[in-house]
C-alpha atoms as a PDB file:
ATOM      1  CA  MET A   1     288.013-136.418  63.655  1.00  0.00           C
ATOM      2  CA  GLY A   2     290.781-135.506  61.178  1.00  0.00           C
ATOM      3  CA  ALA A   3     293.890-133.623  61.733  1.00  0.00           C
ATOM      4  CA  GLN A   4     292.225-130.267  60.746  1.00  0.00           C
ATOM      5  CA  GLY A   5     289.352-130.932  63.231  1.00  0.00           C
ATOM      6  CA  GLU A   6     291.903-131.502  65.923  1.00  0.00           C
ATOM      7  CA  GLU A   7     293.725-128.377  65.196  1.00  0.00           C
ATOM      8  CA  ARG A   8     290.432-126.397  65.268  1.00  0.00           C
ATOM      9  CA  ARG A   9     289.595-127.921  68.696  1.00  0.00           C
ATOM     10  CA  ALA A  10     293.126-127.029  70.016  1.00  0.00           C
ATOM     11  CA  LYS A  11     292.701-123.480  68.894  1.00  0.00           C
ATOM     12  CA  LEU A  12     289.228-123.254  70.395  1.00  0.00           C
ATOM     13  CA  ALA A  13     290.635-124.553  73.803  1.00  0.00           C
ATOM     14  CA  VAL A  14     293.248-121.695  73.711  1.00  0.00           C
ATOM     15  CA  LEU A  15     290.937-119.039  72.765  1.00  0.00           C
ATOM     16  CA  ALA A  16     288.329-120.148  75.398  1.00  0.00           C
ATOM     17  CA  SER A  17     291.098-120.076  78.046  1.00  0.00           C
ATOM     18  CA  ARG A  18     292.060-116.645  77.178  1.00  0.00           C
ATOM     19  CA  GLN A  19     288.389-115.407  77.244  1.00  0.00           C
ATOM     20  CA  HIS A  20     287.439-116.916  80.681  1.00  0.00           C
ATOM     21  CA  GLY A  21     285.624-119.942  79.051  1.00  0.00           C
ATOM     22  CA  VAL A  22     283.488-118.242  76.611  1.00  0.00           C
ATOM     23  CA  VAL A  23     283.623-117.616  72.792  1.00  0.00           C
ATOM     24  CA  ALA A  24     281.478-115.807  70.069  1.00  0.00           C
ATOM     25  CA  TYR A  25     279.797-117.472  67.187  1.00  0.00           C
ATOM     26  CA  TRP A  26     281.760-115.246  64.724  1.00  0.00           C
ATOM     27  CA  GLN A  27     285.138-116.349  66.407  1.00  0.00           C
ATOM     28  CA  LEU A  28     284.185-120.002  65.891  1.00  0.00           C
ATOM     29  CA  ILE A  29     283.590-119.310  62.238  1.00  0.00           C
ATOM     30  CA  ARG A  30     286.928-117.561  62.068  1.00  0.00           C
ATOM     31  CA  LEU A  31     288.579-120.659  63.470  1.00  0.00           C
ATOM     32  CA  GLY A  32     287.097-122.704  60.734  1.00  0.00           C
ATOM     33  CA  PHE A  33     284.198-124.268  62.127  1.00  0.00           C
ATOM     34  CA  SER A  34     281.108-124.681  59.987  1.00  0.00           C
ATOM     35  CA  ARG A  35     277.563-123.743  61.174  1.00  0.00           C
ATOM     36  CA  ARG A  36     276.786-127.443  61.103  1.00  0.00           C
ATOM     37  CA  GLU A  37     279.735-128.298  63.375  1.00  0.00           C
ATOM     38  CA  ILE A  38     278.842-125.540  65.710  1.00  0.00           C
ATOM     39  CA  ALA A  39     275.144-126.781  66.035  1.00  0.00           C
ATOM     40  CA  ARG A  40     276.484-130.230  66.672  1.00  0.00           C
ATOM     41  CA  MET A  41     278.640-129.085  69.515  1.00  0.00           C
ATOM     42  CA  ALA A  42     275.916-127.320  71.076  1.00  0.00           C
ATOM     43  CA  GLU A  43     273.660-130.397  70.800  1.00  0.00           C
ATOM     44  CA  LYS A  44     276.338-132.540  72.430  1.00  0.00           C
ATOM     45  CA  ASP A  45     276.572-129.848  75.321  1.00  0.00           C
ATOM     46  CA  GLN A  46     280.127-128.927  74.213  1.00  0.00           C
ATOM     47  CA  LEU A  47     278.893-125.377  73.780  1.00  0.00           C
ATOM     48  CA  HIS A  48     276.296-123.871  76.093  1.00  0.00           C
ATOM     49  CA  ARG A  49     274.437-120.733  74.959  1.00  0.00           C
ATOM     50  CA  LEU A  50     274.774-117.661  77.290  1.00  0.00           C
ATOM     51  CA  HIS A  51     273.577-115.035  74.826  1.00  0.00           C
ATOM     52  CA  ARG A  52     272.694-114.997  71.295  1.00  0.00           C
ATOM     53  CA  GLY A  53     275.709-115.855  69.389  1.00  0.00           C
ATOM     54  CA  VAL A  54     277.849-116.447  72.538  1.00  0.00           C
ATOM     55  CA  TYR A  55     278.759-119.708  74.261  1.00  0.00           C
ATOM     56  CA  ALA A  56     280.433-121.198  77.379  1.00  0.00           C
ATOM     57  CA  VAL A  57     282.896-123.858  76.300  1.00  0.00           C
ATOM     58  CA  GLY A  58     282.629-127.395  78.013  1.00  0.00           C
ATOM     59  CA  HIS A  59     280.245-126.401  80.781  1.00  0.00           C
ATOM     60  CA  PRO A  60     277.637-123.653  81.545  1.00  0.00           C
ATOM     61  CA  ASN A  61     279.047-122.553  84.928  1.00  0.00           C
ATOM     62  CA  VAL A  62     281.400-119.512  84.201  1.00  0.00           C
ATOM     63  CA  SER A  63     282.904-117.122  86.528  1.00  0.00           C
ATOM     64  CA  LEU A  64     282.039-113.600  86.984  1.00  0.00           C
ATOM     65  CA  GLU A  65     284.776-112.619  84.558  1.00  0.00           C
ATOM     66  CA  GLY A  66     283.367-115.153  82.136  1.00  0.00           C
ATOM     67  CA  ARG A  67     280.043-113.520  82.321  1.00  0.00           C
ATOM     68  CA  TYR A  68     281.636-110.079  81.801  1.00  0.00           C
ATOM     69  CA  MET A  69     283.440-111.275  78.793  1.00  0.00           C
ATOM     70  CA  ALA A  70     280.330-113.011  77.334  1.00  0.00           C
ATOM     71  CA  ALA A  71     278.390-109.655  77.745  1.00  0.00           C
ATOM     72  CA  THR A  72     280.965-107.656  75.842  1.00  0.00           C
ATOM     73  CA  LEU A  73     280.978-110.378  73.098  1.00  0.00           C
ATOM     74  CA  ALA A  74     277.207-110.317  72.861  1.00  0.00           C
ATOM     75  CA  CYS A  75     277.250-106.582  72.160  1.00  0.00           C
ATOM     76  CA  GLY A  76     279.525-106.964  69.144  1.00  0.00           C
ATOM     77  CA  GLU A  77     283.065-105.884  68.183  1.00  0.00           C
ATOM     78  CA  GLY A  78     284.391-102.965  69.995  1.00  0.00           C
ATOM     79  CA  ALA A  79     281.967-103.362  73.058  1.00  0.00           C
ATOM     80  CA  VAL A  80     283.489-102.841  76.587  1.00  0.00           C
ATOM     81  CA  LEU A  81     282.316-103.357  80.076  1.00  0.00           C
ATOM     82  CA  SER A  82     281.115 -99.961  81.492  1.00  0.00           C
ATOM     83  CA  HIS A  83     279.326 -98.050  84.240  1.00  0.00           C
ATOM     84  CA  TRP A  84     278.514-100.179  87.338  1.00  0.00           C
ATOM     85  CA  SER A  85     279.963-103.304  85.839  1.00  0.00           C
ATOM     86  CA  ALA A  86     283.226-101.463  85.059  1.00  0.00           C
ATOM     87  CA  ALA A  87     283.425-100.068  88.618  1.00  0.00           C
ATOM     88  CA  GLY A  88     283.103-103.572  89.928  1.00  0.00           C
ATOM     89  CA  HIS A  89     285.648-104.957  87.605  1.00  0.00           C
ATOM     90  CA  TRP A  90     288.152-102.272  88.679  1.00  0.00           C
ATOM     91  CA  GLU A  91     287.099-102.986  92.259  1.00  0.00           C
ATOM     92  CA  LEU A  92     286.023 -99.365  92.899  1.00  0.00           C
ATOM     93  CA  LEU A  93     282.631-100.553  94.072  1.00  0.00           C
ATOM     94  CA  GLY A  94     281.053-103.809  95.207  1.00  0.00           C
ATOM     95  CA  VAL A  95     279.256-106.083  92.792  1.00  0.00           C
ATOM     96  CA  ARG A  96     275.619-106.887  93.404  1.00  0.00           C
ATOM     97  CA  GLN A  97     274.750-110.582  93.017  1.00  0.00           C
ATOM     98  CA  GLY A  98     272.672-111.099  89.899  1.00  0.00           C
ATOM     99  CA  ALA A  99     272.936-107.511  88.704  1.00  0.00           C
ATOM    100  CA  GLU A 100     272.619-106.881  84.987  1.00  0.00           C
ATOM    101  CA  ILE A 101     275.871-106.238  83.266  1.00  0.00           C
ATOM    102  CA  HIS A 102     276.535-102.844  81.879  1.00  0.00           C
ATOM    103  CA  VAL A 103     278.199-102.639  78.380  1.00  0.00           C
ATOM    104  CA  SER A 104     279.041 -99.686  76.151  1.00  0.00           C
ATOM    105  CA  ALA A 105     279.243-100.408  72.345  1.00  0.00           C
ATOM    106  CA  PRO A 106     279.737 -98.431  69.156  1.00  0.00           C
ATOM    107  CA  GLY A 107     277.199-100.440  67.387  1.00  0.00           C
ATOM    108  CA  HIS A 108     273.634-101.282  68.053  1.00  0.00           C
ATOM    109  CA  ARG A 109     272.750-104.984  68.912  1.00  0.00           C
ATOM    110  CA  ARG A 110     269.754-106.272  70.785  1.00  0.00           C
ATOM    111  CA  PRO A 111     271.358-108.210  73.689  1.00  0.00           C
ATOM    112  CA  THR A 112     269.561-110.440  76.317  1.00  0.00           C
ATOM    113  CA  ALA A 113     267.757-109.060  79.342  1.00  0.00           C
ATOM    114  CA  ALA A 114     270.891-109.729  81.491  1.00  0.00           C
ATOM    115  CA  ILE A 115     272.712-106.978  79.779  1.00  0.00           C
ATOM    116  CA  LYS A 116     272.091-103.260  80.075  1.00  0.00           C
ATOM    117  CA  ALA A 117     273.542-101.874  76.820  1.00  0.00           C
ATOM    118  CA  HIS A 118     274.741 -98.253  76.194  1.00  0.00           C
ATOM    119  CA  TRP A 119     275.011 -97.429  72.579  1.00  0.00           C
ATOM    120  CA  VAL A 120     277.866 -94.970  72.173  1.00  0.00           C
ATOM    121  CA  PRO A 121     278.488 -94.158  68.484  1.00  0.00           C
ATOM    122  CA  GLY A 122     282.049 -93.170  68.013  1.00  0.00           C
ATOM    123  CA  LEU A 123     283.286 -94.779  71.261  1.00  0.00           C
ATOM    124  CA  ASP A 124     286.795 -93.351  71.633  1.00  0.00           C
ATOM    125  CA  GLY A 125     289.490 -95.866  71.801  1.00  0.00           C
ATOM    126  CA  ARG A 126     291.300 -93.736  74.480  1.00  0.00           C
ATOM    127  CA  ASP A 127     288.381 -94.538  76.932  1.00  0.00           C
ATOM    128  CA  CYS A 128     288.877 -98.347  76.519  1.00  0.00           C
ATOM    129  CA  THR A 129     291.437-100.778  77.839  1.00  0.00           C
ATOM    130  CA  LEU A 130     291.832-104.388  78.920  1.00  0.00           C
ATOM    131  CA  ARG A 131     291.739-105.672  82.495  1.00  0.00           C
ATOM    132  CA  ASP A 132     292.264-109.346  83.086  1.00  0.00           C
ATOM    133  CA  ARG A 133     291.891-109.701  79.298  1.00  0.00           C
ATOM    134  CA  ILE A 134     288.324-108.103  79.506  1.00  0.00           C
ATOM    135  CA  PRO A 135     287.512-105.106  77.433  1.00  0.00           C
ATOM    136  CA  VAL A 136     286.428-102.232  79.805  1.00  0.00           C
ATOM    137  CA  THR A 137     286.266 -98.581  80.073  1.00  0.00           C
ATOM    138  CA  THR A 138     289.397 -96.785  81.563  1.00  0.00           C
ATOM    139  CA  VAL A 139     288.998 -95.840  85.208  1.00  0.00           C
ATOM    140  CA  ALA A 140     288.605 -92.149  84.406  1.00  0.00           C
ATOM    141  CA  ARG A 141     285.859 -92.981  81.827  1.00  0.00           C
ATOM    142  CA  THR A 142     284.166 -95.262  84.300  1.00  0.00           C
ATOM    143  CA  LEU A 143     283.937 -92.438  86.801  1.00  0.00           C
ATOM    144  CA  LEU A 144     282.542 -90.091  84.183  1.00  0.00           C
ATOM    145  CA  ASP A 145     279.837 -92.570  83.261  1.00  0.00           C
ATOM    146  CA  LEU A 146     278.946 -93.097  87.015  1.00  0.00           C
ATOM    147  CA  GLY A 147     278.729 -89.320  87.304  1.00  0.00           C
ATOM    148  CA  ALA A 148     275.566 -89.491  85.233  1.00  0.00           C
ATOM    149  CA  ILE A 149     273.872 -92.273  87.172  1.00  0.00           C
ATOM    150  CA  ALA A 150     275.314 -92.821  90.571  1.00  0.00           C
ATOM    151  CA  THR A 151     274.552 -90.840  93.841  1.00  0.00           C
ATOM    152  CA  PRO A 152     277.308 -88.351  95.062  1.00  0.00           C
ATOM    153  CA  LYS A 153     278.246 -90.812  97.697  1.00  0.00           C
ATOM    154  CA  GLN A 154     278.641 -93.692  95.358  1.00  0.00           C
ATOM    155  CA  LEU A 155     280.661 -91.532  92.939  1.00  0.00           C
ATOM    156  CA  GLN A 156     282.893 -90.187  95.860  1.00  0.00           C
ATOM    157  CA  ARG A 157     283.483 -93.795  97.152  1.00  0.00           C
ATOM    158  CA  ALA A 158     284.528 -95.010  93.694  1.00  0.00           C
ATOM    159  CA  THR A 159     286.764 -92.055  93.061  1.00  0.00           C
ATOM    160  CA  ASN A 160     288.428 -92.356  96.438  1.00  0.00           C
ATOM    161  CA  GLN A 161     289.134 -96.010  95.913  1.00  0.00           C
ATOM    162  CA  ALA A 162     290.600 -95.294  92.445  1.00  0.00           C
ATOM    163  CA  GLU A 163     292.867 -92.653  94.106  1.00  0.00           C
ATOM    164  CA  ARG A 164     294.071 -95.073  96.853  1.00  0.00           C
ATOM    165  CA  LYS A 165     294.785 -97.774  94.182  1.00  0.00           C
ATOM    166  CA  GLY A 166     296.762 -95.256  92.099  1.00  0.00           C
ATOM    167  CA  LEU A 167     294.483 -95.733  89.150  1.00  0.00           C
ATOM    168  CA  LEU A 168     293.540 -92.189  88.599  1.00  0.00           C
ATOM    169  CA  ALA A 169     296.182 -90.343  86.698  1.00  0.00           C
ATOM    170  CA  GLU A 170     295.986 -86.638  86.409  1.00  0.00           C
ATOM    171  CA  SER A 171     296.825 -86.419  82.793  1.00  0.00           C
ATOM    172  CA  ALA A 172     294.015 -88.984  81.994  1.00  0.00           C
ATOM    173  CA  VAL A 173     291.547 -86.886  84.047  1.00  0.00           C
ATOM    174  CA  ARG A 174     292.521 -83.593  82.258  1.00  0.00           C
ATOM    175  CA  GLU A 175     292.439 -85.191  78.739  1.00  0.00           C
ATOM    176  CA  LEU A 176     289.044 -86.829  79.406  1.00  0.00           C
ATOM    177  CA  ILE A 177     287.602 -83.494  80.637  1.00  0.00           C
ATOM    178  CA  ASP A 178     288.891 -81.665  77.589  1.00  0.00           C
ATOM    179  CA  ARG A 179     287.281 -84.140  75.260  1.00  0.00           C
ATOM    180  CA  ASN A 180     283.819 -84.236  77.040  1.00  0.00           C
ATOM    181  CA  ARG A 181     282.825 -80.650  77.698  1.00  0.00           C
ATOM    182  CA  GLY A 182     279.055 -80.465  78.183  1.00  0.00           C
ATOM    183  CA  ARG A 183     278.624 -84.164  78.362  1.00  0.00           C
ATOM    184  CA  LYS A 184     276.149 -85.608  80.927  1.00  0.00           C
ATOM    185  CA  GLY A 185     278.095 -86.440  84.214  1.00  0.00           C
ATOM    186  CA  ILE A 186     280.934 -84.171  83.438  1.00  0.00           C
ATOM    187  CA  LYS A 187     280.089 -81.582  86.101  1.00  0.00           C
ATOM    188  CA  GLU A 188     279.926 -84.345  88.846  1.00  0.00           C
ATOM    189  CA  PHE A 189     283.086 -85.902  87.458  1.00  0.00           C
ATOM    190  CA  VAL A 190     285.032 -82.511  87.549  1.00  0.00           C
ATOM    191  CA  ALA A 191     283.851 -81.928  91.102  1.00  0.00           C
ATOM    192  CA  VAL A 192     284.894 -85.239  92.468  1.00  0.00           C
ATOM    193  CA  THR A 193     288.188 -85.591  90.915  1.00  0.00           C
ATOM    194  CA  ALA A 194     289.063 -82.086  91.966  1.00  0.00           C
ATOM    195  CA  ALA A 195     288.629 -83.195  95.544  1.00  0.00           C
ATOM    196  CA  VAL A 196     291.296 -85.934  95.299  1.00  0.00           C
ATOM    197  CA  ASN A 197     293.383 -84.602  92.401  1.00  0.00           C
ATOM    198  CA  ALA A 198     294.781 -81.191  92.900  1.00  0.00           C
ATOM    199  CA  GLY A 199     295.810 -80.825  89.343  1.00  0.00           C
ATOM    200  CA  THR A 200     292.139 -80.528  88.239  1.00  0.00           C
ATOM    201  CA  HIS A 201     291.357 -77.507  90.387  1.00  0.00           C
ATOM    202  CA  ARG A 202     290.578 -74.254  88.735  1.00  0.00           C
ATOM    203  CA  THR A 203     293.165 -71.716  88.288  1.00  0.00           C
ATOM    204  CA  ARG A 204     293.056 -68.560  90.822  1.00  0.00           C
ATOM    205  CA  SER A 205     291.129 -66.343  88.359  1.00  0.00           C
ATOM    206  CA  ASP A 206     288.764 -69.135  87.349  1.00  0.00           C
ATOM    207  CA  LEU A 207     287.930 -69.748  90.945  1.00  0.00           C
ATOM    208  CA  GLU A 208     287.223 -65.935  91.517  1.00  0.00           C
ATOM    209  CA  VAL A 209     284.992 -65.835  88.465  1.00  0.00           C
ATOM    210  CA  ALA A 210     283.225 -69.110  89.565  1.00  0.00           C
ATOM    211  CA  PHE A 211     282.413 -67.627  93.081  1.00  0.00           C
ATOM    212  CA  LEU A 212     281.151 -64.326  91.657  1.00  0.00           C
ATOM    213  CA  ASN A 213     278.949 -66.238  89.261  1.00  0.00           C
ATOM    214  CA  PHE A 214     277.702 -68.390  92.164  1.00  0.00           C
ATOM    215  CA  CYS A 215     276.842 -65.281  94.143  1.00  0.00           C
ATOM    216  CA  ARG A 216     274.711 -63.921  91.296  1.00  0.00           C
ATOM    217  CA  ARG A 217     272.997 -67.322  90.727  1.00  0.00           C
ATOM    218  CA  TYR A 218     272.019 -67.505  94.281  1.00  0.00           C
ATOM    219  CA  ARG A 219     270.846 -63.841  94.668  1.00  0.00           C
ATOM    220  CA  LEU A 220     273.691 -62.948  97.140  1.00  0.00           C
ATOM    221  CA  PRO A 221     274.988 -59.383  97.213  1.00  0.00           C
ATOM    222  CA  THR A 222     277.983 -59.130  94.965  1.00  0.00           C
ATOM    223  CA  PRO A 223     281.373 -58.801  97.121  1.00  0.00           C
ATOM    224  CA  VAL A 224     284.288 -56.785  96.227  1.00  0.00           C
ATOM    225  CA  SER A 225     287.191 -58.863  94.993  1.00  0.00           C
ATOM    226  CA  ASN A 226     290.878 -58.521  95.850  1.00  0.00           C
ATOM    227  CA  GLY A 227     290.219 -55.607  98.192  1.00  0.00           C
ATOM    228  CA  GLU A 228     292.207 -54.412 101.132  1.00  0.00           C
ATOM    229  CA  ILE A 229     291.107 -54.823 104.900  1.00  0.00           C
ATOM    230  CA  GLU A 230     293.271 -53.795 107.693  1.00  0.00           C
ATOM    231  CA  GLY A 231     296.199 -53.593 105.333  1.00  0.00           C
ATOM    232  CA  LEU A 232     295.680 -57.110 104.131  1.00  0.00           C
ATOM    233  CA  GLU A 233     294.493 -58.097 100.635  1.00  0.00           C
ATOM    234  CA  VAL A 234     291.504 -60.422 100.916  1.00  0.00           C
ATOM    235  CA  ASP A 235     289.814 -62.312  98.105  1.00  0.00           C
ATOM    236  CA  MET A 236     286.164 -61.389  98.736  1.00  0.00           C
ATOM    237  CA  HIS A 237     284.652 -59.036 101.138  1.00  0.00           C
ATOM    238  CA  TRP A 238     281.079 -57.350 101.497  1.00  0.00           C
ATOM    239  CA  PRO A 239     281.684 -53.530 102.411  1.00  0.00           C
ATOM    240  CA  GLY A 240     279.990 -52.522 105.596  1.00  0.00           C
ATOM    241  CA  THR A 241     280.218 -56.159 106.987  1.00  0.00           C
ATOM    242  CA  SER A 242     282.866 -58.159 108.822  1.00  0.00           C
ATOM    243  CA  LEU A 243     282.484 -61.170 106.512  1.00  0.00           C
ATOM    244  CA  ILE A 244     285.487 -62.142 104.335  1.00  0.00           C
ATOM    245  CA  VAL A 245     285.667 -65.079 101.911  1.00  0.00           C
ATOM    246  CA  GLU A 246     289.100 -66.578 101.143  1.00  0.00           C
ATOM    247  CA  LEU A 247     289.235 -68.854  98.023  1.00  0.00           C
ATOM    248  CA  ASP A 248     291.286 -71.848  98.773  1.00  0.00           C
ATOM    249  CA  ASP A 249     293.192 -72.997  95.688  1.00  0.00           C
ATOM    250  CA  TYR A 250     295.629 -75.764  96.007  1.00  0.00           C
ATOM    251  CA  GLU A 251     298.274 -74.329  93.635  1.00  0.00           C
ATOM    252  CA  TYR A 252     298.479 -71.135  95.747  1.00  0.00           C
ATOM    253  CA  HIS A 253     298.111 -72.693  99.232  1.00  0.00           C
ATOM    254  CA  ARG A 254     299.899 -76.060  98.966  1.00  0.00           C
ATOM    255  CA  THR A 255     303.336 -74.938 100.461  1.00  0.00           C
ATOM    256  CA  PRO A 256     303.888 -74.991 104.209  1.00  0.00           C
ATOM    257  CA  THR A 257     304.714 -71.265 104.018  1.00  0.00           C
ATOM    258  CA  SER A 258     301.523 -70.499 102.302  1.00  0.00           C
ATOM    259  CA  PHE A 259     299.443 -72.528 104.739  1.00  0.00           C
ATOM    260  CA  GLU A 260     301.168 -70.808 107.646  1.00  0.00           C
ATOM    261  CA  LYS A 261     300.586 -67.527 106.226  1.00  0.00           C
ATOM    262  CA  ASP A 262     297.024 -68.049 105.587  1.00  0.00           C
ATOM    263  CA  ARG A 263     296.278 -69.227 109.077  1.00  0.00           C
ATOM    264  CA  ARG A 264     298.227 -66.208 110.571  1.00  0.00           C
ATOM    265  CA  MET A 265     296.209 -63.828 108.362  1.00  0.00           C
ATOM    266  CA  ASP A 266     292.875 -65.464 109.524  1.00  0.00           C
ATOM    267  CA  ALA A 267     293.975 -65.068 113.204  1.00  0.00           C
ATOM    268  CA  GLU A 268     294.892 -61.398 112.698  1.00  0.00           C
ATOM    269  CA  LEU A 269     291.519 -60.618 111.040  1.00  0.00           C
ATOM    270  CA  LYS A 270     289.574 -62.559 113.646  1.00  0.00           C
ATOM    271  CA  LEU A 271     291.268 -60.592 116.427  1.00  0.00           C
ATOM    272  CA  LYS A 272     290.109 -57.441 114.616  1.00  0.00           C
ATOM    273  CA  GLY A 273     286.498 -58.700 114.594  1.00  0.00           C
ATOM    274  CA  TYR A 274     286.350 -60.216 111.080  1.00  0.00           C
ATOM    275  CA  THR A 275     284.703 -63.451 110.120  1.00  0.00           C
ATOM    276  CA  VAL A 276     286.827 -65.390 107.604  1.00  0.00           C
ATOM    277  CA  LEU A 277     285.186 -68.291 105.678  1.00  0.00           C
ATOM    278  CA  ARG A 278     287.508 -70.447 103.478  1.00  0.00           C
ATOM    279  CA  VAL A 279     285.690 -71.610 100.222  1.00  0.00           C
ATOM    280  CA  THR A 280     287.017 -74.240  97.817  1.00  0.00           C
ATOM    281  CA  GLY A 281     286.290 -74.891  94.253  1.00  0.00           C
ATOM    282  CA  THR A 282     285.012 -78.418  95.338  1.00  0.00           C
ATOM    283  CA  TRP A 283     282.522 -76.751  97.695  1.00  0.00           C
ATOM    284  CA  ILE A 284     281.163 -74.491  94.966  1.00  0.00           C
ATOM    285  CA  ASP A 285     280.800 -77.449  92.679  1.00  0.00           C
ATOM    286  CA  THR A 286     279.440 -80.240  94.903  1.00  0.00           C
ATOM    287  CA  ASP A 287     277.368 -78.350  97.545  1.00  0.00           C
ATOM    288  CA  PRO A 288     276.362 -74.931  96.205  1.00  0.00           C
ATOM    289  CA  HIS A 289     273.129 -74.885  98.024  1.00  0.00           C
ATOM    290  CA  GLY A 290     274.920 -75.548 101.363  1.00  0.00           C
ATOM    291  CA  LEU A 291     277.431 -72.742 100.525  1.00  0.00           C
ATOM    292  CA  ALA A 292     274.613 -70.327  99.709  1.00  0.00           C
ATOM    293  CA  LYS A 293     272.816 -71.242 102.965  1.00  0.00           C
ATOM    294  CA  THR A 294     275.870 -70.570 105.007  1.00  0.00           C
ATOM    295  CA  LEU A 295     276.655 -67.221 103.275  1.00  0.00           C
ATOM    296  CA  ARG A 296     273.147 -66.153 103.523  1.00  0.00           C
ATOM    297  CA  ALA A 297     273.077 -66.806 107.299  1.00  0.00           C
ATOM    298  CA  LEU A 298     276.409 -64.874 107.754  1.00  0.00           C
ATOM    299  CA  LEU A 299     275.196 -62.025 105.888  1.00  0.00           C
ATOM    300  CA  GLN A 300     271.834 -61.808 107.615  1.00  0.00           C
ATOM    301  CA  ALA A 301     273.626 -61.869 110.827  1.00  0.00           C
ATOM    302  CA  GLU A 302     275.369 -58.639 109.731  1.00  0.00           C
ATOM    303  CA  ALA A 303     271.860 -57.209 109.048  1.00  0.00           C
ATOM    304  CA  VAL A 304     272.432 -57.340 105.198  1.00  0.00           C
ATOM    305  CA  ASP A 305     269.159 -57.673 103.409  1.00  0.00           C
ATOM    306  CA  VAL A 306     269.509 -60.945 101.516  1.00  0.00           C
ATOM    307  CA  PRO A 307     266.425 -62.698  99.899  1.00  0.00           C
ATOM    308  CA  PRO A 308     265.565 -65.751 101.960  1.00  0.00           C
ATOM    309  CA  VAL A 309     265.061 -67.999  98.946  1.00  0.00           C
ATOM    310  CA  ALA A 310     267.942 -70.294  98.631  1.00  0.00           C
ATOM    311  CA  GLN A 311     267.052 -71.656  95.183  1.00  0.00           C
ATOM    312  CA  PRO A 312     269.319 -70.464  92.306  1.00  0.00           C
ATOM    313  CA  LEU A 313     268.262 -68.412  89.288  1.00  0.00           C
ATOM    314  CA  ARG A 314     267.594 -70.459  86.291  1.00  0.00           C
ATOM    315  CA  GLN A 315     270.276 -70.404  83.848  1.00  0.00           C
ATOM    316  CA  PRO A 316     269.069 -68.735  80.482  1.00  0.00           C
ATOM    317  CA  ARG A 317     268.444 -71.108  77.720  1.00  0.00           C
ATOM    318  CA  ARG A 318     270.959 -71.076  74.983  1.00  0.00           C
ATOM    319  CA  VAL A 319     269.332 -69.941  71.699  1.00  0.00           C
ATOM    320  CA  ARG A 320     270.179 -72.361  68.817  1.00  0.00           C
ATOM    321  CA  GLY A 321     272.866 -70.923  66.564  1.00  0.00           C
ATOM    322  CA  GLN A 322     274.455 -68.693  69.451  1.00  0.00           C
END
């Protein structure tokens, strides 16, 4: 082997060490290896095929990180670890032994059966990063992707773990929401991040509108908003009943003074025979059926005629062009 061959081998060793022991065919070509040399190295078990055009260098036993790296290489340039696999790589959820590897890629390639490919044309670079030198979706984007496929418990567990690790920046959450309005999984993502990140909560007026829309959707009587009861301003009240709903918004209730004031008002209203139910935006988003059931029961206890059906009205279909 000549000096050039030795130099190529040395570069290959460096590249493989950076990529957890795996390389792609196109990378070998860039290093100067010919197709014949690559075929010869494969015949001599110096390269071990993992996927089409992706090899383990030296031996076939690669680590989990090596398998992650190989999967992204197999899906082409710009591909990143995503969904369940990204959640595992960020240590937000456990990794199931033998599970297929999820990869998001801007182009379309046919990977092996061990890879679950998600083709995302125009995959935004702001949603991609590196962890342990492996291309992966950011934590926020990972949670958004999980919102479309995970159960509420799984998504909540992953989000809580991200928050505990300090990986969920408020600015990243806000920016991702702004760019992905209407995307599959965004509703679940907004709800679960609002529960751990106060900055993603609705504004006061938005929360009031959301609650009134919720009442209409679930066929509940429309309450009076921002009315006065016993000399106190309350958020929502049904005239002729003792039921009051206070909308808890972090921005308006986060100080000790506000917290204390709220509790004293609740006690004063309770002494005068009123029932005060505190409702958060997270409750409206994540469990609207449960909230509707609770309000329906409280209103029926007041002898208010409320339809017993708890299913929401169907949202009107949007006409194309509107």
